[in-house]
Amino acid sequence: MNINKLISHFNHYLPLDSTEKQELSNRIVEKNIKRRQFILQENDVCKHYTFVISGLFKMYAVDQSGTEHNIQFALENEWITNIGSFHSEQPSRLYIEAMEPSVVLQIEKTNLLYLYTYFPKFDRNFRVIIENKFIELENRVLQNISSTAEERYQTFLTQYPKLSNRLPNTQIASYLGITPEFLSKIRKNASKK
């Protein structure tokens, strides 16, 4: 059962007791998501925290010229949400799209707030998860303003070793803020070293 993968995920933080496990099971919904299916589109309000059981997602924005800018990827055992839209209940400026057929577990805001209120361990676990994502984002912003494209690519490979084989160059290039052609040059130069 897929809820056990989520329960196991929480064991890395504060393990859940039997009551907490049952409460979580009662408030989580499992969904099968097709490749290229959206779980969030621009101008919709983000209503779920999504835990990836299997598959791969990207969160991205589209600029006025129609160019996609990847902000985050999420694969197995990771969470993805547009946290600003989720908490403010304002329309999202982002998309979250499946890059592979996926299975996810989702929790709505009212259910998450219920767990925070009556089972403080969830509040602590989610706080650590969000803090870790915030640190990841801070590091990425710092890299974007202070590192070369080659350094950003090497960091990407270190941070996401499983993703380089699952994503096309266009998606990685979008995440790094470079063109696919430039990424090809970086990869070619790296293979010569």
N, C-alpha and C. Protein backbone atom coordinates (compact mmCIF):
# COMPACT_ATOMS: atom_id res chain seq x y z
N MET A 1 0.84 -1.19 0.00
CA MET A 1 0.00 0.00 0.00
C MET A 1 0.89 1.25 0.00
N ASN A 2 0.53 2.25 -0.81
CA ASN A 2 1.39 3.41 -0.99
C ASN A 2 1.47 4.34 0.22
N ILE A 3 0.49 4.29 1.09
CA ILE A 3 0.55 5.13 2.29
C ILE A 3 1.77 4.74 3.14
N ASN A 4 2.18 3.48 3.05
CA ASN A 4 3.34 3.02 3.82
C ASN A 4 4.61 3.72 3.37
N LYS A 5 4.70 4.09 2.08
CA LYS A 5 5.88 4.82 1.60
C LYS A 5 5.92 6.21 2.21
N LEU A 6 4.77 6.83 2.36
CA LEU A 6 4.72 8.14 3.00
C LEU A 6 5.04 8.03 4.48
N ILE A 7 4.50 7.03 5.14
CA ILE A 7 4.79 6.82 6.56
C ILE A 7 6.29 6.58 6.76
N SER A 8 6.88 5.80 5.88
CA SER A 8 8.32 5.55 5.93
C SER A 8 9.10 6.86 5.72
N HIS A 9 8.60 7.71 4.83
CA HIS A 9 9.22 9.02 4.60
C HIS A 9 9.25 9.84 5.89
N PHE A 10 8.15 9.84 6.62
CA PHE A 10 8.09 10.60 7.87
C PHE A 10 9.04 10.02 8.93
N ASN A 11 9.40 8.75 8.81
CA ASN A 11 10.33 8.15 9.76
C ASN A 11 11.71 8.81 9.74
N HIS A 12 12.01 9.54 8.66
CA HIS A 12 13.28 10.27 8.59
C HIS A 12 13.25 11.52 9.47
N TYR A 13 12.09 11.91 9.91
CA TYR A 13 11.92 13.10 10.75
C TYR A 13 11.47 12.63 12.13
N LEU A 14 10.19 12.76 12.42
CA LEU A 14 9.65 12.23 13.68
C LEU A 14 8.69 11.10 13.30
N PRO A 15 9.01 9.86 13.65
CA PRO A 15 8.13 8.74 13.28
C PRO A 15 6.73 8.89 13.87
N LEU A 16 5.76 8.39 13.12
CA LEU A 16 4.35 8.50 13.52
C LEU A 16 3.94 7.29 14.36
N ASP A 17 3.08 7.55 15.34
CA ASP A 17 2.51 6.43 16.10
C ASP A 17 1.28 5.89 15.34
N SER A 18 0.65 4.86 15.88
CA SER A 18 -0.45 4.19 15.16
C SER A 18 -1.64 5.12 14.94
N THR A 19 -1.95 5.98 15.90
CA THR A 19 -3.06 6.92 15.75
C THR A 19 -2.75 7.93 14.65
N GLU A 20 -1.54 8.46 14.65
CA GLU A 20 -1.13 9.43 13.63
C GLU A 20 -1.14 8.81 12.24
N LYS A 21 -0.69 7.56 12.15
CA LYS A 21 -0.73 6.86 10.86
C LYS A 21 -2.16 6.74 10.35
N GLN A 22 -3.06 6.38 11.25
CA GLN A 22 -4.47 6.22 10.85
C GLN A 22 -5.07 7.56 10.43
N GLU A 23 -4.79 8.61 11.18
CA GLU A 23 -5.30 9.94 10.84
C GLU A 23 -4.77 10.39 9.48
N LEU A 24 -3.51 10.13 9.22
CA LEU A 24 -2.92 10.47 7.93
C LEU A 24 -3.62 9.68 6.82
N SER A 25 -3.79 8.38 7.03
CA SER A 25 -4.46 7.53 6.03
C SER A 25 -5.85 8.04 5.69
N ASN A 26 -6.55 8.55 6.69
CA ASN A 26 -7.92 9.05 6.49
C ASN A 26 -7.97 10.34 5.69
N ARG A 27 -6.85 11.05 5.60
CA ARG A 27 -6.85 12.38 4.99
C ARG A 27 -6.04 12.49 3.70
N ILE A 28 -5.46 11.40 3.28
CA ILE A 28 -4.64 11.38 2.06
C ILE A 28 -5.45 10.75 0.94
N VAL A 29 -5.29 11.30 -0.26
CA VAL A 29 -5.95 10.74 -1.44
C VAL A 29 -4.86 10.31 -2.43
N GLU A 30 -4.98 9.10 -2.94
CA GLU A 30 -4.03 8.60 -3.93
C GLU A 30 -4.59 8.85 -5.33
N LYS A 31 -3.70 9.30 -6.24
CA LYS A 31 -4.11 9.57 -7.61
C LYS A 31 -3.07 9.04 -8.58
N ASN A 32 -3.55 8.56 -9.72
CA ASN A 32 -2.68 8.21 -10.84
C ASN A 32 -2.70 9.39 -11.79
N ILE A 33 -1.52 9.84 -12.18
CA ILE A 33 -1.38 11.02 -13.04
C ILE A 33 -0.70 10.59 -14.34
N LYS A 34 -1.29 10.98 -15.45
CA LYS A 34 -0.71 10.65 -16.76
C LYS A 34 0.44 11.59 -17.08
N ARG A 35 1.32 11.12 -17.96
CA ARG A 35 2.41 11.97 -18.45
C ARG A 35 1.79 13.20 -19.11
N ARG A 36 2.35 14.37 -18.82
CA ARG A 36 1.93 15.67 -19.33
C ARG A 36 0.63 16.19 -18.70
N GLN A 37 0.12 15.49 -17.70
CA GLN A 37 -1.08 15.96 -16.99
C GLN A 37 -0.64 16.96 -15.92
N PHE A 38 -1.46 17.99 -15.75
CA PHE A 38 -1.18 19.02 -14.76
C PHE A 38 -1.85 18.67 -13.44
N ILE A 39 -1.13 18.93 -12.35
CA ILE A 39 -1.79 18.91 -11.04
C ILE A 39 -1.98 20.34 -10.54
N LEU A 40 -1.42 21.31 -11.28
CA LEU A 40 -1.65 22.72 -11.03
C LEU A 40 -1.38 23.48 -12.32
N GLN A 41 -2.25 24.45 -12.61
CA GLN A 41 -2.04 25.32 -13.76
C GLN A 41 -2.07 26.77 -13.29
N GLU A 42 -1.42 27.61 -14.09
CA GLU A 42 -1.40 29.04 -13.79
C GLU A 42 -2.84 29.54 -13.64
N ASN A 43 -3.04 30.43 -12.68
CA ASN A 43 -4.33 31.05 -12.34
C ASN A 43 -5.26 30.16 -11.53
N ASP A 44 -4.89 28.90 -11.28
CA ASP A 44 -5.66 28.06 -10.37
C ASP A 44 -5.06 28.22 -8.98
N VAL A 45 -5.86 27.97 -7.96
CA VAL A 45 -5.36 27.98 -6.59
C VAL A 45 -4.81 26.58 -6.28
N CYS A 46 -3.62 26.52 -5.73
CA CYS A 46 -3.02 25.25 -5.35
C CYS A 46 -3.74 24.72 -4.12
N LYS A 47 -4.34 23.56 -4.24
CA LYS A 47 -5.16 23.02 -3.16
C LYS A 47 -4.54 21.84 -2.42
N HIS A 48 -3.36 21.37 -2.88
CA HIS A 48 -2.79 20.17 -2.31
C HIS A 48 -1.28 20.29 -2.10
N TYR A 49 -0.83 19.60 -1.08
CA TYR A 49 0.56 19.18 -0.99
C TYR A 49 0.58 17.82 -1.66
N THR A 50 1.56 17.59 -2.52
CA THR A 50 1.62 16.35 -3.28
C THR A 50 2.91 15.62 -2.98
N PHE A 51 2.78 14.35 -2.58
CA PHE A 51 3.92 13.48 -2.31
C PHE A 51 4.03 12.50 -3.47
N VAL A 52 5.20 12.41 -4.07
CA VAL A 52 5.40 11.56 -5.25
C VAL A 52 5.78 10.14 -4.82
N ILE A 53 4.90 9.19 -5.15
CA ILE A 53 5.18 7.77 -4.90
C ILE A 53 6.04 7.23 -6.03
N SER A 54 5.63 7.50 -7.26
CA SER A 54 6.42 7.12 -8.43
C SER A 54 6.20 8.17 -9.50
N GLY A 55 7.24 8.37 -10.32
CA GLY A 55 7.12 9.35 -11.39
C GLY A 55 7.98 10.57 -11.16
N LEU A 56 7.69 11.60 -11.95
CA LEU A 56 8.51 12.79 -11.96
C LEU A 56 7.66 13.99 -12.35
N PHE A 57 7.84 15.10 -11.63
CA PHE A 57 7.10 16.34 -11.89
C PHE A 57 8.06 17.50 -12.07
N LYS A 58 7.58 18.52 -12.78
CA LYS A 58 8.31 19.77 -12.86
C LYS A 58 7.34 20.89 -12.47
N MET A 59 7.89 21.89 -11.78
CA MET A 59 7.15 23.11 -11.47
C MET A 59 7.83 24.22 -12.25
N TYR A 60 7.03 24.99 -12.99
CA TYR A 60 7.62 25.99 -13.86
C TYR A 60 6.68 27.17 -14.07
N ALA A 61 7.28 28.27 -14.55
CA ALA A 61 6.54 29.46 -14.95
C ALA A 61 6.75 29.64 -16.44
N VAL A 62 5.83 30.35 -17.06
CA VAL A 62 5.94 30.67 -18.48
C VAL A 62 5.99 32.19 -18.60
N ASP A 63 7.03 32.70 -19.28
CA ASP A 63 7.15 34.15 -19.42
C ASP A 63 6.29 34.66 -20.58
N GLN A 64 6.32 35.96 -20.81
CA GLN A 64 5.45 36.57 -21.81
C GLN A 64 5.75 36.11 -23.23
N SER A 65 6.97 35.64 -23.47
CA SER A 65 7.32 35.14 -24.80
C SER A 65 6.97 33.66 -24.97
N GLY A 66 6.44 33.04 -23.90
CA GLY A 66 6.05 31.63 -23.98
C GLY A 66 7.14 30.66 -23.58
N THR A 67 8.25 31.18 -23.06
CA THR A 67 9.36 30.32 -22.64
C THR A 67 9.11 29.79 -21.24
N GLU A 68 9.33 28.48 -21.07
CA GLU A 68 9.19 27.86 -19.75
C GLU A 68 10.47 28.04 -18.95
N HIS A 69 10.30 28.26 -17.64
CA HIS A 69 11.43 28.39 -16.72
C HIS A 69 11.20 27.41 -15.57
N ASN A 70 11.93 26.30 -15.58
CA ASN A 70 11.77 25.28 -14.54
C ASN A 70 12.31 25.78 -13.22
N ILE A 71 11.50 25.61 -12.19
CA ILE A 71 11.86 26.07 -10.85
C ILE A 71 12.24 24.89 -9.96
N GLN A 72 11.54 23.77 -10.14
CA GLN A 72 11.76 22.63 -9.25
C GLN A 72 11.37 21.35 -9.97
N PHE A 73 12.06 20.28 -9.62
CA PHE A 73 11.67 18.93 -10.02
C PHE A 73 11.37 18.15 -8.75
N ALA A 74 10.47 17.18 -8.87
CA ALA A 74 10.18 16.30 -7.73
C ALA A 74 10.03 14.89 -8.26
N LEU A 75 10.77 13.97 -7.67
CA LEU A 75 10.67 12.58 -8.03
C LEU A 75 10.28 11.77 -6.80
N GLU A 76 10.43 10.48 -6.87
CA GLU A 76 9.98 9.61 -5.80
C GLU A 76 10.44 10.08 -4.42
N ASN A 77 9.52 10.01 -3.46
CA ASN A 77 9.77 10.36 -2.06
C ASN A 77 10.04 11.84 -1.84
N GLU A 78 9.52 12.68 -2.73
CA GLU A 78 9.63 14.13 -2.55
C GLU A 78 8.25 14.77 -2.62
N TRP A 79 8.18 15.96 -2.02
CA TRP A 79 6.95 16.75 -2.02
C TRP A 79 7.05 17.84 -3.07
N ILE A 80 5.89 18.22 -3.63
CA ILE A 80 5.84 19.36 -4.53
C ILE A 80 4.51 20.09 -4.31
N THR A 81 4.61 21.41 -4.23
CA THR A 81 3.43 22.27 -4.11
C THR A 81 3.85 23.69 -4.45
N ASN A 82 2.89 24.50 -4.83
CA ASN A 82 3.14 25.94 -4.94
C ASN A 82 2.74 26.52 -3.59
N ILE A 83 3.71 26.60 -2.70
CA ILE A 83 3.42 26.92 -1.30
C ILE A 83 2.77 28.29 -1.14
N GLY A 84 3.14 29.26 -1.97
CA GLY A 84 2.54 30.59 -1.87
C GLY A 84 1.05 30.55 -2.17
N SER A 85 0.68 29.89 -3.24
CA SER A 85 -0.74 29.78 -3.60
C SER A 85 -1.49 28.91 -2.59
N PHE A 86 -0.85 27.83 -2.14
CA PHE A 86 -1.47 26.91 -1.18
C PHE A 86 -1.88 27.64 0.09
N HIS A 87 -0.97 28.43 0.65
CA HIS A 87 -1.25 29.09 1.92
C HIS A 87 -2.07 30.37 1.77
N SER A 88 -1.85 31.12 0.70
CA SER A 88 -2.59 32.38 0.54
C SER A 88 -3.95 32.20 -0.13
N GLU A 89 -4.10 31.03 -0.78
CA GLU A 89 -5.30 30.74 -1.57
C GLU A 89 -5.49 31.75 -2.70
N GLN A 90 -4.36 32.28 -3.19
CA GLN A 90 -4.35 33.18 -4.34
C GLN A 90 -4.01 32.37 -5.59
N PRO A 91 -4.42 32.86 -6.77
CA PRO A 91 -4.10 32.13 -8.00
C PRO A 91 -2.60 31.94 -8.17
N SER A 92 -2.24 30.77 -8.66
CA SER A 92 -0.84 30.43 -8.87
C SER A 92 -0.31 31.10 -10.13
N ARG A 93 0.97 31.40 -10.11
CA ARG A 93 1.66 31.88 -11.31
C ARG A 93 2.46 30.73 -11.92
N LEU A 94 2.33 29.54 -11.35
CA LEU A 94 3.13 28.39 -11.74
C LEU A 94 2.28 27.24 -12.24
N TYR A 95 2.95 26.33 -12.92
CA TYR A 95 2.37 25.07 -13.36
C TYR A 95 3.12 23.94 -12.65
N ILE A 96 2.41 22.85 -12.37
CA ILE A 96 3.06 21.61 -11.94
C ILE A 96 2.54 20.53 -12.87
N GLU A 97 3.48 19.90 -13.59
CA GLU A 97 3.13 18.97 -14.66
C GLU A 97 3.90 17.65 -14.48
N ALA A 98 3.24 16.54 -14.76
CA ALA A 98 3.90 15.23 -14.71
C ALA A 98 4.76 15.05 -15.95
N MET A 99 5.99 14.65 -15.75
CA MET A 99 6.90 14.38 -16.86
C MET A 99 6.92 12.90 -17.20
N GLU A 100 6.36 12.10 -16.32
CA GLU A 100 6.24 10.65 -16.50
C GLU A 100 4.90 10.23 -15.92
N PRO A 101 4.37 9.08 -16.31
CA PRO A 101 3.20 8.57 -15.59
C PRO A 101 3.57 8.45 -14.11
N SER A 102 2.68 8.90 -13.25
CA SER A 102 3.04 9.03 -11.83
C SER A 102 1.90 8.56 -10.93
N VAL A 103 2.29 8.21 -9.71
CA VAL A 103 1.34 7.94 -8.64
C VAL A 103 1.70 8.89 -7.51
N VAL A 104 0.68 9.60 -7.01
CA VAL A 104 0.92 10.58 -5.95
C VAL A 104 -0.07 10.38 -4.81
N LEU A 105 0.31 10.93 -3.67
CA LEU A 105 -0.59 11.06 -2.53
C LEU A 105 -0.76 12.55 -2.30
N GLN A 106 -2.01 12.99 -2.15
CA GLN A 106 -2.27 14.42 -1.96
C GLN A 106 -3.06 14.65 -0.68
N ILE A 107 -2.76 15.80 -0.05
CA ILE A 107 -3.50 16.21 1.13
C ILE A 107 -3.95 17.66 0.93
N GLU A 108 -5.23 17.89 1.20
CA GLU A 108 -5.79 19.24 1.07
C GLU A 108 -5.45 20.08 2.30
N LYS A 109 -5.56 21.38 2.14
CA LYS A 109 -5.19 22.32 3.19
C LYS A 109 -5.97 22.09 4.49
N THR A 110 -7.29 21.91 4.40
CA THR A 110 -8.08 21.72 5.63
C THR A 110 -7.63 20.47 6.38
N ASN A 111 -7.31 19.41 5.64
CA ASN A 111 -6.84 18.19 6.29
C ASN A 111 -5.44 18.37 6.88
N LEU A 112 -4.59 19.10 6.19
CA LEU A 112 -3.25 19.36 6.71
C LEU A 112 -3.32 20.21 7.97
N LEU A 113 -4.15 21.24 7.96
CA LEU A 113 -4.30 22.09 9.15
C LEU A 113 -4.87 21.29 10.33
N TYR A 114 -5.77 20.38 10.03
CA TYR A 114 -6.32 19.49 11.07
C TYR A 114 -5.18 18.69 11.71
N LEU A 115 -4.34 18.10 10.87
CA LEU A 115 -3.22 17.31 11.40
C LEU A 115 -2.26 18.19 12.20
N TYR A 116 -1.97 19.40 11.72
CA TYR A 116 -1.11 20.32 12.46
C TYR A 116 -1.67 20.60 13.84
N THR A 117 -2.98 20.83 13.90
CA THR A 117 -3.62 21.25 15.15
C THR A 117 -3.70 20.12 16.17
N TYR A 118 -4.11 18.94 15.72
CA TYR A 118 -4.39 17.85 16.66
C TYR A 118 -3.24 16.85 16.81
N PHE A 119 -2.27 16.91 15.92
CA PHE A 119 -1.14 15.99 15.98
C PHE A 119 0.13 16.79 15.66
N PRO A 120 0.70 17.45 16.66
CA PRO A 120 1.81 18.38 16.45
C PRO A 120 3.02 17.80 15.72
N LYS A 121 3.16 16.50 15.74
CA LYS A 121 4.28 15.88 15.03
C LYS A 121 4.24 16.22 13.53
N PHE A 122 3.04 16.33 12.97
CA PHE A 122 2.92 16.69 11.55
C PHE A 122 3.42 18.12 11.30
N ASP A 123 3.10 19.00 12.24
CA ASP A 123 3.57 20.39 12.12
C ASP A 123 5.10 20.41 12.09
N ARG A 124 5.70 19.66 12.97
CA ARG A 124 7.17 19.60 13.04
C ARG A 124 7.75 18.96 11.77
N ASN A 125 7.17 17.84 11.33
CA ASN A 125 7.68 17.16 10.14
C ASN A 125 7.59 18.06 8.91
N PHE A 126 6.45 18.70 8.71
CA PHE A 126 6.30 19.56 7.54
C PHE A 126 7.19 20.80 7.64
N ARG A 127 7.40 21.29 8.85
CA ARG A 127 8.29 22.44 9.01
C ARG A 127 9.70 22.08 8.56
N VAL A 128 10.18 20.90 8.93
CA VAL A 128 11.51 20.47 8.52
C VAL A 128 11.57 20.27 7.01
N ILE A 129 10.54 19.68 6.43
CA ILE A 129 10.48 19.47 4.98
C ILE A 129 10.53 20.82 4.26
N ILE A 130 9.75 21.78 4.73
CA ILE A 130 9.71 23.11 4.10
C ILE A 130 11.04 23.84 4.31
N GLU A 131 11.62 23.72 5.50
CA GLU A 131 12.92 24.36 5.74
C GLU A 131 13.98 23.79 4.80
N ASN A 132 13.97 22.48 4.60
CA ASN A 132 14.95 21.87 3.69
C ASN A 132 14.76 22.37 2.27
N LYS A 133 13.51 22.50 1.82
CA LYS A 133 13.24 23.04 0.48
C LYS A 133 13.67 24.50 0.39
N PHE A 134 13.47 25.26 1.46
CA PHE A 134 13.88 26.66 1.48
C PHE A 134 15.40 26.78 1.36
N ILE A 135 16.12 25.93 2.07
CA ILE A 135 17.59 25.92 1.99
C ILE A 135 18.02 25.59 0.56
N GLU A 136 17.36 24.60 -0.04
CA GLU A 136 17.65 24.22 -1.42
C GLU A 136 17.43 25.41 -2.36
N LEU A 137 16.34 26.14 -2.15
CA LEU A 137 16.03 27.30 -2.98
C LEU A 137 17.05 28.41 -2.77
N GLU A 138 17.43 28.68 -1.52
CA GLU A 138 18.46 29.69 -1.24
C GLU A 138 19.75 29.35 -1.96
N ASN A 139 20.15 28.09 -1.87
CA ASN A 139 21.39 27.66 -2.53
C ASN A 139 21.29 27.84 -4.04
N ARG A 140 20.11 27.55 -4.58
CA ARG A 140 19.93 27.69 -6.03
C ARG A 140 20.01 29.15 -6.46
N VAL A 141 19.37 30.04 -5.71
CA VAL A 141 19.43 31.47 -6.04
C VAL A 141 20.87 31.96 -5.96
N LEU A 142 21.58 31.57 -4.92
CA LEU A 142 22.99 31.96 -4.77
C LEU A 142 23.82 31.46 -5.95
N GLN A 143 23.58 30.22 -6.34
CA GLN A 143 24.29 29.65 -7.49
C GLN A 143 24.00 30.45 -8.76
N ASN A 144 22.74 30.79 -8.96
CA ASN A 144 22.35 31.50 -10.19
C ASN A 144 23.02 32.87 -10.30
N ILE A 145 23.32 33.48 -9.16
CA ILE A 145 23.92 34.82 -9.23
C ILE A 145 25.44 34.80 -9.07
N SER A 146 26.01 33.65 -8.70
CA SER A 146 27.45 33.66 -8.43
C SER A 146 28.24 32.53 -9.09
N SER A 147 27.57 31.65 -9.85
CA SER A 147 28.27 30.51 -10.44
C SER A 147 28.17 30.53 -11.96
N THR A 148 29.14 29.89 -12.58
CA THR A 148 29.08 29.74 -14.03
C THR A 148 28.06 28.67 -14.39
N ALA A 149 27.69 28.63 -15.65
CA ALA A 149 26.75 27.60 -16.11
C ALA A 149 27.33 26.20 -15.88
N GLU A 150 28.63 26.05 -16.09
CA GLU A 150 29.27 24.75 -15.87
C GLU A 150 29.17 24.34 -14.40
N GLU A 151 29.40 25.29 -13.51
CA GLU A 151 29.29 25.00 -12.06
C GLU A 151 27.86 24.66 -11.68
N ARG A 152 26.90 25.37 -12.25
CA ARG A 152 25.48 25.08 -11.97
C ARG A 152 25.11 23.68 -12.45
N TYR A 153 25.64 23.30 -13.61
CA TYR A 153 25.36 21.97 -14.14
C TYR A 153 25.97 20.89 -13.24
N GLN A 154 27.20 21.09 -12.78
CA GLN A 154 27.84 20.12 -11.89
C GLN A 154 27.06 19.99 -10.58
N THR A 155 26.58 21.11 -10.06
CA THR A 155 25.77 21.08 -8.83
C THR A 155 24.47 20.32 -9.08
N PHE A 156 23.85 20.56 -10.24
CA PHE A 156 22.63 19.84 -10.60
C PHE A 156 22.88 18.33 -10.60
N LEU A 157 23.98 17.90 -11.20
CA LEU A 157 24.30 16.47 -11.25
C LEU A 157 24.53 15.89 -9.87
N THR A 158 25.16 16.68 -9.00
CA THR A 158 25.41 16.22 -7.63
C THR A 158 24.11 16.16 -6.83
N GLN A 159 23.28 17.19 -6.98
CA GLN A 159 22.04 17.28 -6.21
C GLN A 159 20.98 16.30 -6.72
N TYR A 160 20.94 16.09 -8.03
CA TYR A 160 19.91 15.23 -8.63
C TYR A 160 20.56 14.17 -9.52
N PRO A 161 21.33 13.26 -8.95
CA PRO A 161 22.04 12.29 -9.80
C PRO A 161 21.12 11.41 -10.63
N LYS A 162 19.92 11.16 -10.15
CA LYS A 162 18.99 10.28 -10.88
C LYS A 162 18.25 11.02 -11.99
N LEU A 163 18.25 12.34 -11.94
CA LEU A 163 17.44 13.10 -12.90
C LEU A 163 18.10 13.26 -14.27
N SER A 164 19.41 13.31 -14.33
CA SER A 164 20.06 13.60 -15.60
C SER A 164 19.71 12.57 -16.67
N ASN A 165 19.41 11.34 -16.26
CA ASN A 165 19.04 10.30 -17.22
C ASN A 165 17.53 10.26 -17.50
N ARG A 166 16.75 10.95 -16.69
CA ARG A 166 15.29 10.92 -16.84
C ARG A 166 14.74 12.17 -17.52
N LEU A 167 15.57 13.19 -17.66
CA LEU A 167 15.11 14.46 -18.24
C LEU A 167 15.81 14.74 -19.56
N PRO A 168 15.07 15.29 -20.52
CA PRO A 168 15.73 15.74 -21.75
C PRO A 168 16.56 17.01 -21.47
N ASN A 169 17.53 17.24 -22.35
CA ASN A 169 18.40 18.42 -22.21
C ASN A 169 17.60 19.71 -22.09
N THR A 170 16.49 19.81 -22.82
CA THR A 170 15.71 21.05 -22.79
C THR A 170 15.21 21.37 -21.39
N GLN A 171 14.82 20.35 -20.63
CA GLN A 171 14.31 20.56 -19.27
C GLN A 171 15.43 20.94 -18.31
N ILE A 172 16.56 20.28 -18.44
CA ILE A 172 17.70 20.61 -17.58
C ILE A 172 18.19 22.03 -17.89
N ALA A 173 18.28 22.35 -19.18
CA ALA A 173 18.73 23.69 -19.58
C ALA A 173 17.80 24.76 -19.02
N SER A 174 16.50 24.51 -19.08
CA SER A 174 15.53 25.47 -18.54
C SER A 174 15.75 25.68 -17.04
N TYR A 175 16.02 24.62 -16.33
CA TYR A 175 16.29 24.71 -14.89
C TYR A 175 17.56 25.51 -14.61
N LEU A 176 18.57 25.32 -15.46
CA LEU A 176 19.86 26.00 -15.27
C LEU A 176 19.87 27.43 -15.80
N GLY A 177 18.85 27.78 -16.58
CA GLY A 177 18.78 29.13 -17.14
C GLY A 177 19.68 29.33 -18.34
N ILE A 178 19.90 28.26 -19.11
CA ILE A 178 20.74 28.33 -20.31
C ILE A 178 19.99 27.68 -21.47
N THR A 179 20.55 27.78 -22.66
CA THR A 179 19.93 27.16 -23.83
C THR A 179 20.32 25.68 -23.90
N PRO A 180 19.50 24.85 -24.53
CA PRO A 180 19.88 23.44 -24.71
C PRO A 180 21.19 23.28 -25.48
N GLU A 181 21.44 24.17 -26.41
CA GLU A 181 22.68 24.11 -27.19
C GLU A 181 23.91 24.33 -26.30
N PHE A 182 23.78 25.30 -25.39
CA PHE A 182 24.89 25.59 -24.48
C PHE A 182 25.10 24.42 -23.52
N LEU A 183 24.00 23.80 -23.09
CA LEU A 183 24.12 22.63 -22.22
C LEU A 183 24.85 21.50 -22.95
N SER A 184 24.54 21.32 -24.22
CA SER A 184 25.24 20.29 -25.01
C SER A 184 26.74 20.55 -25.05
N LYS A 185 27.13 21.83 -25.20
CA LYS A 185 28.56 22.18 -25.19
C LYS A 185 29.19 21.87 -23.83
N ILE A 186 28.47 22.20 -22.76
CA ILE A 186 28.97 21.92 -21.41
C ILE A 186 29.17 20.42 -21.22
N ARG A 187 28.20 19.63 -21.65
CA ARG A 187 28.30 18.17 -21.51
C ARG A 187 29.46 17.62 -22.36
N LYS A 188 29.62 18.16 -23.55
CA LYS A 188 30.70 17.71 -24.44
C LYS A 188 32.04 18.01 -23.81
N ASN A 189 32.19 19.24 -23.29
CA ASN A 189 33.46 19.61 -22.63
C ASN A 189 33.72 18.76 -21.40
N ALA A 190 32.68 18.46 -20.64
CA ALA A 190 32.83 17.64 -19.43
C ALA A 190 33.26 16.22 -19.77
N SER A 191 32.77 15.70 -20.88
CA SER A 191 33.14 14.33 -21.27
C SER A 191 34.58 14.24 -21.74
N LYS A 192 35.14 15.34 -22.20
CA LYS A 192 36.54 15.36 -22.66
C LYS A 192 37.51 15.37 -21.49
N LYS A 193 37.05 15.88 -20.34
CA LYS A 193 37.96 16.01 -19.18
C LYS A 193 38.21 14.69 -18.50
